[in-house]
Protein backbone atom coordinates (compact mmCIF):
# COMPACT_ATOMS: atom_id res chain seq x y z
CA MET A 1 -109.92 15.53 1.20
CA ILE A 2 -108.64 12.52 -0.75
CA LEU A 3 -105.56 10.41 -0.25
CA GLU A 4 -104.64 8.59 -3.46
CA LEU A 5 -102.30 5.61 -3.41
CA VAL A 6 -100.64 4.76 -6.72
CA LEU A 7 -98.54 1.59 -7.08
CA PHE A 8 -96.72 0.11 -10.05
CA LYS A 9 -94.19 -2.66 -10.54
CA ASN A 10 -90.81 -1.27 -11.56
CA PRO A 11 -88.92 -2.89 -14.43
CA PRO A 12 -86.70 -5.74 -13.19
CA GLY A 13 -83.34 -4.58 -11.89
CA MET A 14 -84.31 -0.93 -11.50
CA THR A 15 -82.05 0.54 -8.83
CA ARG A 16 -82.99 3.08 -6.19
CA ASP A 17 -80.69 5.60 -7.90
CA ALA A 18 -82.49 5.11 -11.22
CA GLU A 19 -85.84 5.45 -9.52
CA MET A 20 -84.70 8.64 -7.77
CA GLU A 21 -83.58 10.06 -11.11
CA ALA A 22 -86.98 9.28 -12.63
CA ALA A 23 -88.76 10.83 -9.64
CA ARG A 24 -86.65 13.99 -9.78
CA ALA A 25 -87.48 14.35 -13.48
CA VAL A 26 -91.23 14.67 -12.75
CA VAL A 27 -90.98 16.94 -9.69
CA PRO A 28 -91.50 20.14 -11.78
CA LYS A 29 -94.65 18.67 -13.34
CA TRP A 30 -96.16 17.91 -9.94
CA LEU A 31 -95.11 21.26 -8.46
CA ALA A 32 -96.99 22.95 -11.32
CA ASN A 33 -100.23 21.08 -10.56
CA LYS A 34 -102.25 23.66 -8.62
CA ASP A 35 -104.68 21.03 -7.27
CA LEU A 36 -102.03 18.78 -5.73
CA LEU A 37 -101.55 19.45 -2.03
CA ARG A 38 -98.80 16.92 -1.29
CA LYS A 39 -97.00 14.02 -2.94
CA HIS A 40 -94.77 11.37 -1.40
CA PHE A 41 -92.63 9.28 -3.76
CA ILE A 42 -92.42 5.72 -2.45
CA ARG A 43 -90.46 2.55 -3.19
CA SER A 44 -90.65 -0.95 -1.72
CA ASP A 45 -88.01 -3.63 -1.35
CA ASP A 46 -90.01 -6.00 -3.57
CA GLY A 47 -89.82 -3.83 -6.70
CA TYR A 48 -92.85 -1.58 -6.39
CA GLY A 49 -92.79 2.16 -6.79
CA GLY A 50 -95.48 4.75 -6.61
CA GLY A 51 -96.82 7.76 -4.87
CA VAL A 52 -99.05 8.87 -2.06
CA TYR A 53 -100.94 12.01 -3.06
CA ILE A 54 -103.22 14.34 -1.17
CA TRP A 55 -105.87 16.07 -3.26
CA PRO A 56 -108.86 18.29 -2.48
CA SER A 57 -111.14 15.92 -4.44
CA ARG A 58 -111.25 12.62 -6.27
CA GLU A 59 -111.94 14.55 -9.48
CA ALA A 60 -108.63 16.40 -9.14
CA ALA A 61 -106.80 13.10 -8.63
CA GLN A 62 -108.47 11.51 -11.62
CA ALA A 63 -107.75 14.52 -13.83
CA ALA A 64 -104.04 14.27 -13.01
CA HIS A 65 -103.97 10.51 -13.54
CA ASP A 66 -105.92 10.35 -16.78
CA GLU A 67 -105.61 7.74 -19.52
CA ALA A 68 -102.60 9.45 -21.12
CA TRP A 69 -100.77 9.33 -17.76
CA MET A 70 -101.75 5.67 -17.26
CA GLN A 71 -100.34 4.81 -20.70
CA SER A 72 -97.09 6.64 -19.95
CA VAL A 73 -96.63 4.56 -16.78
CA GLU A 74 -97.43 1.41 -18.74
CA ARG A 75 -94.81 2.27 -21.38
CA ARG A 76 -92.22 3.00 -18.70
CA THR A 77 -92.89 0.01 -16.44
CA GLY A 78 -94.60 -2.58 -18.61
CA GLY A 79 -97.84 -2.53 -16.61
CA ARG A 80 -100.69 -0.29 -15.62
CA PRO A 81 -100.57 1.25 -12.17
CA GLU A 82 -102.97 0.29 -9.41
CA ILE A 83 -104.81 3.26 -7.95
CA ARG A 84 -106.81 3.41 -4.73
CA TYR A 85 -108.67 6.37 -3.25
CA PHE A 86 -109.21 6.99 0.45
CA ASP A 87 -111.28 9.55 2.33
CA LEU A 88 -108.63 11.42 4.32
CA MET A 89 -110.25 12.06 7.69
CA ILE A 90 -107.47 13.26 9.99
CA VAL A 91 -103.83 14.24 9.56
CA LEU A 92 -101.58 14.65 12.56
CA ASP A 93 -98.05 15.99 12.73
CA THR A 94 -96.08 14.75 15.72
CA LYS A 95 -93.39 17.42 15.31
CA THR A 96 -95.78 20.37 15.51
CA GLN A 97 -98.52 18.53 17.43
CA GLU A 98 -100.94 19.82 14.80
CA VAL A 99 -104.08 17.79 14.12
CA LYS A 100 -106.28 18.58 11.10
CA GLU A 101 -109.71 17.04 10.59
CA PHE A 102 -111.45 17.09 7.25
CA ALA A 103 -115.24 17.12 6.82
């Protein structure tokens, strides 16, 4: 299991409302991706936006974030996103007390 962290610098002055609108616009695309297990849209106070994705494999993540996708982010934000991949070992849910381990 792979956790992918994607970060990009938002254009100067981009508001949370504008970022929410942009995020909502791509929700159908991500819902249609059969490999994607979960996506969290994130935003920081210092102007960064991005996503935290959970994928079954690094190959699935890289297929979704191919060169065409990278260029679309660059056109929208003025810079290429930074992507990091992590081996997702354990997920726990404090509400349900469920703990999942991944080989």
